[in-house]
Amino acid sequence: MATVRSLKIKTATCKRILKELRSYEKEVEKEAAKTADMKEKGADPYDLKQQENVLAESRMMIPDCHKRLEASLSDLKGILAELKEQNLQGAEIDEGDSTVVEVEAFFRVADE
């Protein structure tokens, strides 16, 4: 049975994972620029290899976060549907709805 408390938890989880995913995307951009700069300047091959490893690790985290966000969004939608069937209303429902819209917008932009 869905409760307002579980809705708050699922909403916060979606927000946290979305923030984490955006953070990893920014990190990949920063590390890619750093790697390109190192290649351009002819950095030591060992240092360059280490930097490429850092970049690869950051890139590997994005699909993982994406999957977790999809699962979390699905859970949030399910709880929202249950609570709406019970005709519950309130700030928590509105916040859950806005989080769903925000995450879906993120996925649409990411797919483009």
PDB file of N, CA and C in Angstrom:
ATOM      1  N   MET A   1       0.835  -1.186   0.000  1.00  0.00           N
ATOM      2  CA  MET A   1       0.000   0.000   0.000  1.00  0.00           C
ATOM      3  C   MET A   1       0.875   1.243   0.000  1.00  0.00           C
ATOM      4  N   ALA A   2       0.548   2.169  -0.871  1.00  0.00           N
ATOM      5  CA  ALA A   2       1.321   3.398  -0.995  1.00  0.00           C
ATOM      6  C   ALA A   2       0.938   4.373   0.110  1.00  0.00           C
ATOM      7  N   THR A   3       1.949   5.024   0.635  1.00  0.00           N
ATOM      8  CA  THR A   3       1.719   6.046   1.656  1.00  0.00           C
ATOM      9  C   THR A   3       2.395   7.338   1.222  1.00  0.00           C
ATOM     10  N   VAL A   4       2.023   8.416   1.882  1.00  0.00           N
ATOM     11  CA  VAL A   4       2.639   9.708   1.575  1.00  0.00           C
ATOM     12  C   VAL A   4       4.126   9.650   1.909  1.00  0.00           C
ATOM     13  N   ARG A   5       4.460   8.933   2.958  1.00  0.00           N
ATOM     14  CA  ARG A   5       5.872   8.800   3.345  1.00  0.00           C
ATOM     15  C   ARG A   5       6.666   8.110   2.235  1.00  0.00           C
ATOM     16  N   SER A   6       6.127   7.025   1.694  1.00  0.00           N
ATOM     17  CA  SER A   6       6.838   6.321   0.616  1.00  0.00           C
ATOM     18  C   SER A   6       6.924   7.196  -0.633  1.00  0.00           C
ATOM     19  N   LEU A   7       5.917   8.021  -0.858  1.00  0.00           N
ATOM     20  CA  LEU A   7       5.958   8.959  -1.982  1.00  0.00           C
ATOM     21  C   LEU A   7       7.099   9.956  -1.800  1.00  0.00           C
ATOM     22  N   LYS A   8       7.246  10.488  -0.597  1.00  0.00           N
ATOM     23  CA  LYS A   8       8.338  11.429  -0.321  1.00  0.00           C
ATOM     24  C   LYS A   8       9.689  10.770  -0.566  1.00  0.00           C
ATOM     25  N   ILE A   9       9.824   9.526  -0.131  1.00  0.00           N
ATOM     26  CA  ILE A   9      11.088   8.805  -0.305  1.00  0.00           C
ATOM     27  C   ILE A   9      11.385   8.588  -1.783  1.00  0.00           C
ATOM     28  N   LYS A  10      10.391   8.130  -2.542  1.00  0.00           N
ATOM     29  CA  LYS A  10      10.594   7.875  -3.976  1.00  0.00           C
ATOM     30  C   LYS A  10      10.884   9.169  -4.737  1.00  0.00           C
ATOM     31  N   THR A  11      10.226  10.253  -4.344  1.00  0.00           N
ATOM     32  CA  THR A  11      10.466  11.545  -4.983  1.00  0.00           C
ATOM     33  C   THR A  11      11.895  12.002  -4.722  1.00  0.00           C
ATOM     34  N   ALA A  12      12.334  11.900  -3.479  1.00  0.00           N
ATOM     35  CA  ALA A  12      13.697  12.305  -3.124  1.00  0.00           C
ATOM     36  C   ALA A  12      14.729  11.425  -3.832  1.00  0.00           C
ATOM     37  N   THR A  13      14.432  10.149  -3.966  1.00  0.00           N
ATOM     38  CA  THR A  13      15.339   9.236  -4.658  1.00  0.00           C
ATOM     39  C   THR A  13      15.507   9.641  -6.121  1.00  0.00           C
ATOM     40  N   CYS A  14      14.406   9.941  -6.784  1.00  0.00           N
ATOM     41  CA  CYS A  14      14.474  10.382  -8.186  1.00  0.00           C
ATOM     42  C   CYS A  14      15.305  11.653  -8.312  1.00  0.00           C
ATOM     43  N   LYS A  15      15.062  12.593  -7.436  1.00  0.00           N
ATOM     44  CA  LYS A  15      15.801  13.860  -7.488  1.00  0.00           C
ATOM     45  C   LYS A  15      17.295  13.640  -7.267  1.00  0.00           C
ATOM     46  N   ARG A  16      17.627  12.787  -6.301  1.00  0.00           N
ATOM     47  CA  ARG A  16      19.035  12.525  -5.992  1.00  0.00           C
ATOM     48  C   ARG A  16      19.737  11.849  -7.159  1.00  0.00           C
ATOM     49  N   ILE A  17      19.101  10.844  -7.755  1.00  0.00           N
ATOM     50  CA  ILE A  17      19.724  10.131  -8.865  1.00  0.00           C
ATOM     51  C   ILE A  17      19.863  11.047 -10.084  1.00  0.00           C
ATOM     52  N   LEU A  18      18.869  11.895 -10.321  1.00  0.00           N
ATOM     53  CA  LEU A  18      18.955  12.843 -11.438  1.00  0.00           C
ATOM     54  C   LEU A  18      20.121  13.807 -11.227  1.00  0.00           C
ATOM     55  N   LYS A  19      20.273  14.287 -10.008  1.00  0.00           N
ATOM     56  CA  LYS A  19      21.380  15.190  -9.691  1.00  0.00           C
ATOM     57  C   LYS A  19      22.721  14.471  -9.882  1.00  0.00           C
ATOM     58  N   GLU A  20      22.788  13.217  -9.447  1.00  0.00           N
ATOM     59  CA  GLU A  20      24.000  12.424  -9.595  1.00  0.00           C
ATOM     60  C   GLU A  20      24.334  12.206 -11.074  1.00  0.00           C
ATOM     61  N   LEU A  21      23.326  11.911 -11.873  1.00  0.00           N
ATOM     62  CA  LEU A  21      23.525  11.683 -13.304  1.00  0.00           C
ATOM     63  C   LEU A  21      24.039  12.951 -13.985  1.00  0.00           C
ATOM     64  N   ARG A  22      23.441  14.075 -13.661  1.00  0.00           N
ATOM     65  CA  ARG A  22      23.915  15.349 -14.233  1.00  0.00           C
ATOM     66  C   ARG A  22      25.353  15.629 -13.816  1.00  0.00           C
ATOM     67  N   SER A  23      25.684  15.306 -12.587  1.00  0.00           N
ATOM     68  CA  SER A  23      27.042  15.504 -12.089  1.00  0.00           C
ATOM     69  C   SER A  23      28.040  14.656 -12.873  1.00  0.00           C
ATOM     70  N   TYR A  24      27.692  13.392 -13.121  1.00  0.00           N
ATOM     71  CA  TYR A  24      28.583  12.527 -13.906  1.00  0.00           C
ATOM     72  C   TYR A  24      28.735  13.038 -15.331  1.00  0.00           C
ATOM     73  N   GLU A  25      27.666  13.559 -15.918  1.00  0.00           N
ATOM     74  CA  GLU A  25      27.770  14.090 -17.274  1.00  0.00           C
ATOM     75  C   GLU A  25      28.718  15.288 -17.326  1.00  0.00           C
ATOM     76  N   LYS A  26      28.629  16.158 -16.323  1.00  0.00           N
ATOM     77  CA  LYS A  26      29.547  17.304 -16.264  1.00  0.00           C
ATOM     78  C   LYS A  26      30.984  16.836 -16.060  1.00  0.00           C
ATOM     79  N   GLU A  27      31.145  15.823 -15.217  1.00  0.00           N
ATOM     80  CA  GLU A  27      32.480  15.283 -14.958  1.00  0.00           C
ATOM     81  C   GLU A  27      33.086  14.698 -16.229  1.00  0.00           C
ATOM     82  N   VAL A  28      32.283  14.000 -17.021  1.00  0.00           N
ATOM     83  CA  VAL A  28      32.780  13.419 -18.275  1.00  0.00           C
ATOM     84  C   VAL A  28      33.234  14.533 -19.217  1.00  0.00           C
ATOM     85  N   GLU A  29      32.451  15.600 -19.302  1.00  0.00           N
ATOM     86  CA  GLU A  29      32.839  16.723 -20.160  1.00  0.00           C
ATOM     87  C   GLU A  29      34.168  17.308 -19.704  1.00  0.00           C
ATOM     88  N   LYS A  30      34.304  17.515 -18.398  1.00  0.00           N
ATOM     89  CA  LYS A  30      35.521  18.110 -17.846  1.00  0.00           C
ATOM     90  C   LYS A  30      36.722  17.198 -18.076  1.00  0.00           C
ATOM     91  N   GLU A  31      36.555  15.905 -17.811  1.00  0.00           N
ATOM     92  CA  GLU A  31      37.664  14.958 -17.972  1.00  0.00           C
ATOM     93  C   GLU A  31      38.026  14.768 -19.444  1.00  0.00           C
ATOM     94  N   ALA A  32      37.039  14.805 -20.336  1.00  0.00           N
ATOM     95  CA  ALA A  32      37.323  14.688 -21.772  1.00  0.00           C
ATOM     96  C   ALA A  32      38.136  15.886 -22.251  1.00  0.00           C
ATOM     97  N   ALA A  33      37.781  17.071 -21.768  1.00  0.00           N
ATOM     98  CA  ALA A  33      38.536  18.266 -22.136  1.00  0.00           C
ATOM     99  C   ALA A  33      39.967  18.185 -21.596  1.00  0.00           C
ATOM    100  N   LYS A  34      40.099  17.693 -20.385  1.00  0.00           N
ATOM    101  CA  LYS A  34      41.429  17.562 -19.781  1.00  0.00           C
ATOM    102  C   LYS A  34      42.269  16.543 -20.556  1.00  0.00           C
ATOM    103  N   THR A  35      41.652  15.436 -20.963  1.00  0.00           N
ATOM    104  CA  THR A  35      42.360  14.409 -21.726  1.00  0.00           C
ATOM    105  C   THR A  35      42.812  14.960 -23.076  1.00  0.00           C
ATOM    106  N   ALA A  36      41.916  15.672 -23.748  1.00  0.00           N
ATOM    107  CA  ALA A  36      42.261  16.267 -25.045  1.00  0.00           C
ATOM    108  C   ALA A  36      43.405  17.268 -24.893  1.00  0.00           C
ATOM    109  N   ASP A  37      43.362  18.048 -23.825  1.00  0.00           N
ATOM    110  CA  ASP A  37      44.413  19.035 -23.572  1.00  0.00           C
ATOM    111  C   ASP A  37      45.752  18.335 -23.330  1.00  0.00           C
ATOM    112  N   MET A  38      45.718  17.236 -22.580  1.00  0.00           N
ATOM    113  CA  MET A  38      46.951  16.494 -22.308  1.00  0.00           C
ATOM    114  C   MET A  38      47.529  15.917 -23.592  1.00  0.00           C
ATOM    115  N   LYS A  39      46.658  15.394 -24.481  1.00  0.00           N
ATOM    116  CA  LYS A  39      47.123  14.843 -25.751  1.00  0.00           C
ATOM    117  C   LYS A  39      47.740  15.936 -26.609  1.00  0.00           C
ATOM    118  N   GLU A  40      47.079  17.085 -26.605  1.00  0.00           N
ATOM    119  CA  GLU A  40      47.535  18.216 -27.407  1.00  0.00           C
ATOM    120  C   GLU A  40      48.909  18.697 -26.962  1.00  0.00           C
ATOM    121  N   LYS A  41      49.152  18.683 -25.653  1.00  0.00           N
ATOM    122  CA  LYS A  41      50.415  19.173 -25.104  1.00  0.00           C
ATOM    123  C   LYS A  41      51.496  18.106 -25.077  1.00  0.00           C
ATOM    124  N   GLY A  42      51.153  16.891 -25.511  1.00  0.00           N
ATOM    125  CA  GLY A  42      52.141  15.820 -25.544  1.00  0.00           C
ATOM    126  C   GLY A  42      52.553  15.362 -24.153  1.00  0.00           C
ATOM    127  N   ALA A  43      51.590  15.117 -23.301  1.00  0.00           N
ATOM    128  CA  ALA A  43      51.856  14.709 -21.925  1.00  0.00           C
ATOM    129  C   ALA A  43      52.517  13.337 -21.879  1.00  0.00           C
ATOM    130  N   ASP A  44      53.101  13.033 -20.749  1.00  0.00           N
ATOM    131  CA  ASP A  44      53.730  11.741 -20.505  1.00  0.00           C
ATOM    132  C   ASP A  44      52.716  10.625 -20.779  1.00  0.00           C
ATOM    133  N   PRO A  45      53.095   9.589 -21.509  1.00  0.00           N
ATOM    134  CA  PRO A  45      52.152   8.509 -21.846  1.00  0.00           C
ATOM    135  C   PRO A  45      51.498   7.858 -20.617  1.00  0.00           C
ATOM    136  N   TYR A  46      52.253   7.703 -19.533  1.00  0.00           N
ATOM    137  CA  TYR A  46      51.682   7.109 -18.320  1.00  0.00           C
ATOM    138  C   TYR A  46      50.586   8.004 -17.748  1.00  0.00           C
ATOM    139  N   ASP A  47      50.871   9.310 -17.660  1.00  0.00           N
ATOM    140  CA  ASP A  47      49.871  10.254 -17.143  1.00  0.00           C
ATOM    141  C   ASP A  47      48.640  10.282 -18.036  1.00  0.00           C
ATOM    142  N   LEU A  48      48.872  10.235 -19.327  1.00  0.00           N
ATOM    143  CA  LEU A  48      47.754  10.255 -20.275  1.00  0.00           C
ATOM    144  C   LEU A  48      46.902   8.988 -20.119  1.00  0.00           C
ATOM    145  N   LYS A  49      47.541   7.848 -19.932  1.00  0.00           N
ATOM    146  CA  LYS A  49      46.815   6.590 -19.743  1.00  0.00           C
ATOM    147  C   LYS A  49      45.982   6.648 -18.464  1.00  0.00           C
ATOM    148  N   GLN A  50      46.534   7.209 -17.406  1.00  0.00           N
ATOM    149  CA  GLN A  50      45.797   7.345 -16.147  1.00  0.00           C
ATOM    150  C   GLN A  50      44.583   8.260 -16.332  1.00  0.00           C
ATOM    151  N   GLN A  51      44.761   9.345 -17.064  1.00  0.00           N
ATOM    152  CA  GLN A  51      43.659  10.271 -17.317  1.00  0.00           C
ATOM    153  C   GLN A  51      42.574   9.608 -18.150  1.00  0.00           C
ATOM    154  N   GLU A  52      42.970   8.802 -19.117  1.00  0.00           N
ATOM    155  CA  GLU A  52      41.990   8.076 -19.928  1.00  0.00           C
ATOM    156  C   GLU A  52      41.210   7.072 -19.076  1.00  0.00           C
ATOM    157  N   ASN A  53      41.875   6.471 -18.093  1.00  0.00           N
ATOM    158  CA  ASN A  53      41.190   5.555 -17.176  1.00  0.00           C
ATOM    159  C   ASN A  53      40.154   6.292 -16.334  1.00  0.00           C
ATOM    160  N   VAL A  54      40.509   7.485 -15.873  1.00  0.00           N
ATOM    161  CA  VAL A  54      39.573   8.304 -15.093  1.00  0.00           C
ATOM    162  C   VAL A  54      38.347   8.639 -15.946  1.00  0.00           C
ATOM    163  N   LEU A  55      38.590   9.017 -17.176  1.00  0.00           N
ATOM    164  CA  LEU A  55      37.499   9.346 -18.097  1.00  0.00           C
ATOM    165  C   LEU A  55      36.620   8.122 -18.355  1.00  0.00           C
ATOM    166  N   ALA A  56      37.228   6.972 -18.552  1.00  0.00           N
ATOM    167  CA  ALA A  56      36.462   5.751 -18.811  1.00  0.00           C
ATOM    168  C   ALA A  56      35.592   5.376 -17.608  1.00  0.00           C
ATOM    169  N   GLU A  57      36.128   5.532 -16.403  1.00  0.00           N
ATOM    170  CA  GLU A  57      35.345   5.231 -15.202  1.00  0.00           C
ATOM    171  C   GLU A  57      34.139   6.157 -15.089  1.00  0.00           C
ATOM    172  N   SER A  58      34.344   7.422 -15.381  1.00  0.00           N
ATOM    173  CA  SER A  58      33.237   8.379 -15.327  1.00  0.00           C
ATOM    174  C   SER A  58      32.173   8.028 -16.358  1.00  0.00           C
ATOM    175  N   ARG A  59      32.601   7.657 -17.536  1.00  0.00           N
ATOM    176  CA  ARG A  59      31.643   7.293 -18.594  1.00  0.00           C
ATOM    177  C   ARG A  59      30.854   6.038 -18.223  1.00  0.00           C
ATOM    178  N   MET A  60      31.481   5.099 -17.509  1.00  0.00           N
ATOM    179  CA  MET A  60      30.792   3.869 -17.131  1.00  0.00           C
ATOM    180  C   MET A  60      29.677   4.122 -16.127  1.00  0.00           C
ATOM    181  N   MET A  61      29.764   5.198 -15.367  1.00  0.00           N
ATOM    182  CA  MET A  61      28.764   5.475 -14.344  1.00  0.00           C
ATOM    183  C   MET A  61      27.458   6.007 -14.938  1.00  0.00           C
ATOM    184  N   ILE A  62      27.514   6.612 -16.104  1.00  0.00           N
ATOM    185  CA  ILE A  62      26.321   7.221 -16.693  1.00  0.00           C
ATOM    186  C   ILE A  62      25.244   6.181 -17.021  1.00  0.00           C
ATOM    187  N   PRO A  63      25.557   5.073 -17.705  1.00  0.00           N
ATOM    188  CA  PRO A  63      24.498   4.087 -17.968  1.00  0.00           C
ATOM    189  C   PRO A  63      23.905   3.487 -16.692  1.00  0.00           C
ATOM    190  N   ASP A  64      24.749   3.282 -15.679  1.00  0.00           N
ATOM    191  CA  ASP A  64      24.265   2.760 -14.402  1.00  0.00           C
ATOM    192  C   ASP A  64      23.268   3.724 -13.762  1.00  0.00           C
ATOM    193  N   CYS A  65      23.620   4.987 -13.715  1.00  0.00           N
ATOM    194  CA  CYS A  65      22.717   5.993 -13.146  1.00  0.00           C
ATOM    195  C   CYS A  65      21.431   6.084 -13.970  1.00  0.00           C
ATOM    196  N   HIS A  66      21.559   5.973 -15.270  1.00  0.00           N
ATOM    197  CA  HIS A  66      20.403   6.050 -16.158  1.00  0.00           C
ATOM    198  C   HIS A  66      19.416   4.928 -15.835  1.00  0.00           C
ATOM    199  N   LYS A  67      19.931   3.712 -15.668  1.00  0.00           N
ATOM    200  CA  LYS A  67      19.071   2.565 -15.340  1.00  0.00           C
ATOM    201  C   LYS A  67      18.406   2.747 -13.978  1.00  0.00           C
ATOM    202  N   ARG A  68      19.179   3.217 -12.997  1.00  0.00           N
ATOM    203  CA  ARG A  68      18.611   3.426 -11.668  1.00  0.00           C
ATOM    204  C   ARG A  68      17.541   4.506 -11.689  1.00  0.00           C
ATOM    205  N   LEU A  69      17.760   5.541 -12.500  1.00  0.00           N
ATOM    206  CA  LEU A  69      16.776   6.615 -12.608  1.00  0.00           C
ATOM    207  C   LEU A  69      15.494   6.108 -13.269  1.00  0.00           C
ATOM    208  N   GLU A  70      15.618   5.283 -14.301  1.00  0.00           N
ATOM    209  CA  GLU A  70      14.434   4.708 -14.944  1.00  0.00           C
ATOM    210  C   GLU A  70      13.628   3.861 -13.964  1.00  0.00           C
ATOM    211  N   ALA A  71      14.318   3.041 -13.173  1.00  0.00           N
ATOM    212  CA  ALA A  71      13.634   2.196 -12.185  1.00  0.00           C
ATOM    213  C   ALA A  71      12.967   3.051 -11.111  1.00  0.00           C
ATOM    214  N   SER A  72      13.658   4.067 -10.672  1.00  0.00           N
ATOM    215  CA  SER A  72      13.120   4.953  -9.635  1.00  0.00           C
ATOM    216  C   SER A  72      11.909   5.725 -10.154  1.00  0.00           C
ATOM    217  N   LEU A  73      11.976   6.157 -11.399  1.00  0.00           N
ATOM    218  CA  LEU A  73      10.852   6.867 -12.008  1.00  0.00           C
ATOM    219  C   LEU A  73       9.634   5.953 -12.109  1.00  0.00           C
ATOM    220  N   SER A  74       9.857   4.721 -12.482  1.00  0.00           N
ATOM    221  CA  SER A  74       8.765   3.749 -12.568  1.00  0.00           C
ATOM    222  C   SER A  74       8.108   3.551 -11.201  1.00  0.00           C
ATOM    223  N   ASP A  75       8.925   3.419 -10.157  1.00  0.00           N
ATOM    224  CA  ASP A  75       8.397   3.272  -8.798  1.00  0.00           C
ATOM    225  C   ASP A  75       7.585   4.496  -8.388  1.00  0.00           C
ATOM    226  N   LEU A  76       8.120   5.665  -8.693  1.00  0.00           N
ATOM    227  CA  LEU A  76       7.442   6.915  -8.327  1.00  0.00           C
ATOM    228  C   LEU A  76       6.091   7.022  -9.037  1.00  0.00           C
ATOM    229  N   LYS A  77       6.058   6.676 -10.312  1.00  0.00           N
ATOM    230  CA  LYS A  77       4.795   6.726 -11.062  1.00  0.00           C
ATOM    231  C   LYS A  77       3.768   5.762 -10.462  1.00  0.00           C
ATOM    232  N   GLY A  78       4.227   4.580 -10.064  1.00  0.00           N
ATOM    233  CA  GLY A  78       3.332   3.602  -9.465  1.00  0.00           C
ATOM    234  C   GLY A  78       2.717   4.099  -8.167  1.00  0.00           C
ATOM    235  N   ILE A  79       3.539   4.678  -7.319  1.00  0.00           N
ATOM    236  CA  ILE A  79       3.032   5.207  -6.041  1.00  0.00           C
ATOM    237  C   ILE A  79       2.091   6.373  -6.275  1.00  0.00           C
ATOM    238  N   LEU A  80       2.449   7.246  -7.203  1.00  0.00           N
ATOM    239  CA  LEU A  80       1.566   8.379  -7.514  1.00  0.00           C
ATOM    240  C   LEU A  80       0.205   7.886  -7.991  1.00  0.00           C
ATOM    241  N   ALA A  81       0.207   6.878  -8.861  1.00  0.00           N
ATOM    242  CA  ALA A  81      -1.056   6.342  -9.369  1.00  0.00           C
ATOM    243  C   ALA A  81      -1.910   5.773  -8.230  1.00  0.00           C
ATOM    244  N   GLU A  82      -1.280   5.041  -7.318  1.00  0.00           N
ATOM    245  CA  GLU A  82      -2.021   4.473  -6.181  1.00  0.00           C
ATOM    246  C   GLU A  82      -2.619   5.566  -5.303  1.00  0.00           C
ATOM    247  N   LEU A  83      -1.820   6.577  -5.019  1.00  0.00           N
ATOM    248  CA  LEU A  83      -2.308   7.645  -4.147  1.00  0.00           C
ATOM    249  C   LEU A  83      -3.408   8.459  -4.817  1.00  0.00           C
ATOM    250  N   LYS A  84      -3.312   8.639  -6.122  1.00  0.00           N
ATOM    251  CA  LYS A  84      -4.361   9.368  -6.837  1.00  0.00           C
ATOM    252  C   LYS A  84      -5.649   8.563  -6.889  1.00  0.00           C
ATOM    253  N   GLU A  85      -5.533   7.228  -6.949  1.00  0.00           N
ATOM    254  CA  GLU A  85      -6.730   6.383  -6.898  1.00  0.00           C
ATOM    255  C   GLU A  85      -7.447   6.520  -5.554  1.00  0.00           C
ATOM    256  N   GLN A  86      -6.668   6.788  -4.511  1.00  0.00           N
ATOM    257  CA  GLN A  86      -7.233   6.988  -3.178  1.00  0.00           C
ATOM    258  C   GLN A  86      -7.747   8.418  -2.990  1.00  0.00           C
ATOM    259  N   ASN A  87      -7.680   9.205  -4.076  1.00  0.00           N
ATOM    260  CA  ASN A  87      -8.112  10.604  -4.081  1.00  0.00           C
ATOM    261  C   ASN A  87      -7.361  11.464  -3.075  1.00  0.00           C
ATOM    262  N   LEU A  88      -6.099  11.144  -2.856  1.00  0.00           N
ATOM    263  CA  LEU A  88      -5.273  11.974  -1.985  1.00  0.00           C
ATOM    264  C   LEU A  88      -4.726  13.143  -2.789  1.00  0.00           C
ATOM    265  N   GLN A  89      -4.614  14.263  -2.120  1.00  0.00           N
ATOM    266  CA  GLN A  89      -4.056  15.456  -2.746  1.00  0.00           C
ATOM    267  C   GLN A  89      -3.144  16.127  -1.740  1.00  0.00           C
ATOM    268  N   GLY A  90      -2.303  17.013  -2.234  1.00  0.00           N
ATOM    269  CA  GLY A  90      -1.429  17.743  -1.335  1.00  0.00           C
ATOM    270  C   GLY A  90      -0.132  18.118  -2.010  1.00  0.00           C
ATOM    271  N   ALA A  91       0.702  18.765  -1.235  1.00  0.00           N
ATOM    272  CA  ALA A  91       1.980  19.250  -1.750  1.00  0.00           C
ATOM    273  C   ALA A  91       2.876  18.089  -2.179  1.00  0.00           C
ATOM    274  N   GLU A  92       2.807  16.977  -1.455  1.00  0.00           N
ATOM    275  CA  GLU A  92       3.646  15.828  -1.788  1.00  0.00           C
ATOM    276  C   GLU A  92       3.277  15.250  -3.155  1.00  0.00           C
ATOM    277  N   ILE A  93       1.978  15.194  -3.444  1.00  0.00           N
ATOM    278  CA  ILE A  93       1.521  14.695  -4.747  1.00  0.00           C
ATOM    279  C   ILE A  93       1.999  15.640  -5.851  1.00  0.00           C
ATOM    280  N   ASP A  94       1.851  16.937  -5.624  1.00  0.00           N
ATOM    281  CA  ASP A  94       2.291  17.927  -6.610  1.00  0.00           C
ATOM    282  C   ASP A  94       3.799  17.843  -6.844  1.00  0.00           C
ATOM    283  N   GLU A  95       4.552  17.665  -5.764  1.00  0.00           N
ATOM    284  CA  GLU A  95       6.000  17.563  -5.894  1.00  0.00           C
ATOM    285  C   GLU A  95       6.383  16.295  -6.657  1.00  0.00           C
ATOM    286  N   GLY A  96       5.687  15.204  -6.385  1.00  0.00           N
ATOM    287  CA  GLY A  96       5.930  13.960  -7.117  1.00  0.00           C
ATOM    288  C   GLY A  96       5.644  14.121  -8.594  1.00  0.00           C
ATOM    289  N   ASP A  97       4.519  14.779  -8.905  1.00  0.00           N
ATOM    290  CA  ASP A  97       4.176  15.025 -10.307  1.00  0.00           C
ATOM    291  C   ASP A  97       5.234  15.884 -11.001  1.00  0.00           C
ATOM    292  N   SER A  98       5.685  16.925 -10.329  1.00  0.00           N
ATOM    293  CA  SER A  98       6.683  17.807 -10.945  1.00  0.00           C
ATOM    294  C   SER A  98       8.015  17.073 -11.134  1.00  0.00           C
ATOM    295  N   THR A  99       8.346  16.162 -10.212  1.00  0.00           N
ATOM    296  CA  THR A  99       9.569  15.378 -10.358  1.00  0.00           C
ATOM    297  C   THR A  99       9.462  14.434 -11.557  1.00  0.00           C
ATOM    298  N   VAL A 100       8.298  13.825 -11.736  1.00  0.00           N
ATOM    299  CA  VAL A 100       8.073  12.957 -12.903  1.00  0.00           C
ATOM    300  C   VAL A 100       8.257  13.757 -14.190  1.00  0.00           C
ATOM    301  N   VAL A 101       7.678  14.937 -14.243  1.00  0.00           N
ATOM    302  CA  VAL A 101       7.800  15.789 -15.433  1.00  0.00           C
ATOM    303  C   VAL A 101       9.263  16.157 -15.679  1.00  0.00           C
ATOM    304  N   GLU A 102       9.982  16.502 -14.606  1.00  0.00           N
ATOM    305  CA  GLU A 102      11.392  16.893 -14.736  1.00  0.00           C
ATOM    306  C   GLU A 102      12.246  15.734 -15.257  1.00  0.00           C
ATOM    307  N   VAL A 103      12.046  14.545 -14.714  1.00  0.00           N
ATOM    308  CA  VAL A 103      12.833  13.381 -15.129  1.00  0.00           C
ATOM    309  C   VAL A 103      12.492  12.986 -16.567  1.00  0.00           C
ATOM    310  N   GLU A 104      11.216  13.008 -16.916  1.00  0.00           N
ATOM    311  CA  GLU A 104      10.831  12.673 -18.287  1.00  0.00           C
ATOM    312  C   GLU A 104      11.398  13.686 -19.276  1.00  0.00           C
ATOM    313  N   ALA A 105      11.431  14.959 -18.890  1.00  0.00           N
ATOM    314  CA  ALA A 105      12.025  15.984 -19.755  1.00  0.00           C
ATOM    315  C   ALA A 105      13.516  15.717 -19.932  1.00  0.00           C
ATOM    316  N   PHE A 106      14.169  15.297 -18.871  1.00  0.00           N
ATOM    317  CA  PHE A 106      15.593  14.967 -18.943  1.00  0.00           C
ATOM    318  C   PHE A 106      15.816  13.823 -19.932  1.00  0.00           C
ATOM    319  N   PHE A 107      14.978  12.782 -19.858  1.00  0.00           N
ATOM    320  CA  PHE A 107      15.113  11.655 -20.776  1.00  0.00           C
ATOM    321  C   PHE A 107      14.872  12.071 -22.225  1.00  0.00           C
ATOM    322  N   ARG A 108      13.898  12.954 -22.452  1.00  0.00           N
ATOM    323  CA  ARG A 108      13.623  13.421 -23.822  1.00  0.00           C
ATOM    324  C   ARG A 108      14.831  14.162 -24.381  1.00  0.00           C
ATOM    325  N   VAL A 109      15.434  15.021 -23.566  1.00  0.00           N
ATOM    326  CA  VAL A 109      16.610  15.782 -24.012  1.00  0.00           C
ATOM    327  C   VAL A 109      17.793  14.838 -24.243  1.00  0.00           C
ATOM    328  N   ALA A 110      17.940  13.854 -23.373  1.00  0.00           N
ATOM    329  CA  ALA A 110      19.054  12.906 -23.503  1.00  0.00           C
ATOM    330  C   ALA A 110      18.913  12.038 -24.757  1.00  0.00           C
ATOM    331  N   ASP A 111      17.684  11.765 -25.167  1.00  0.00           N
ATOM    332  CA  ASP A 111      17.460  10.935 -26.346  1.00  0.00           C
ATOM    333  C   ASP A 111      17.667  11.681 -27.667  1.00  0.00           C
ATOM    334  N   GLU A 112      17.672  12.990 -27.612  1.00  0.00           N
ATOM    335  CA  GLU A 112      17.816  13.784 -28.844  1.00  0.00           C
ATOM    336  C   GLU A 112      19.221  13.783 -29.367  1.00  0.00           C
TER     337      GLU A 112
END
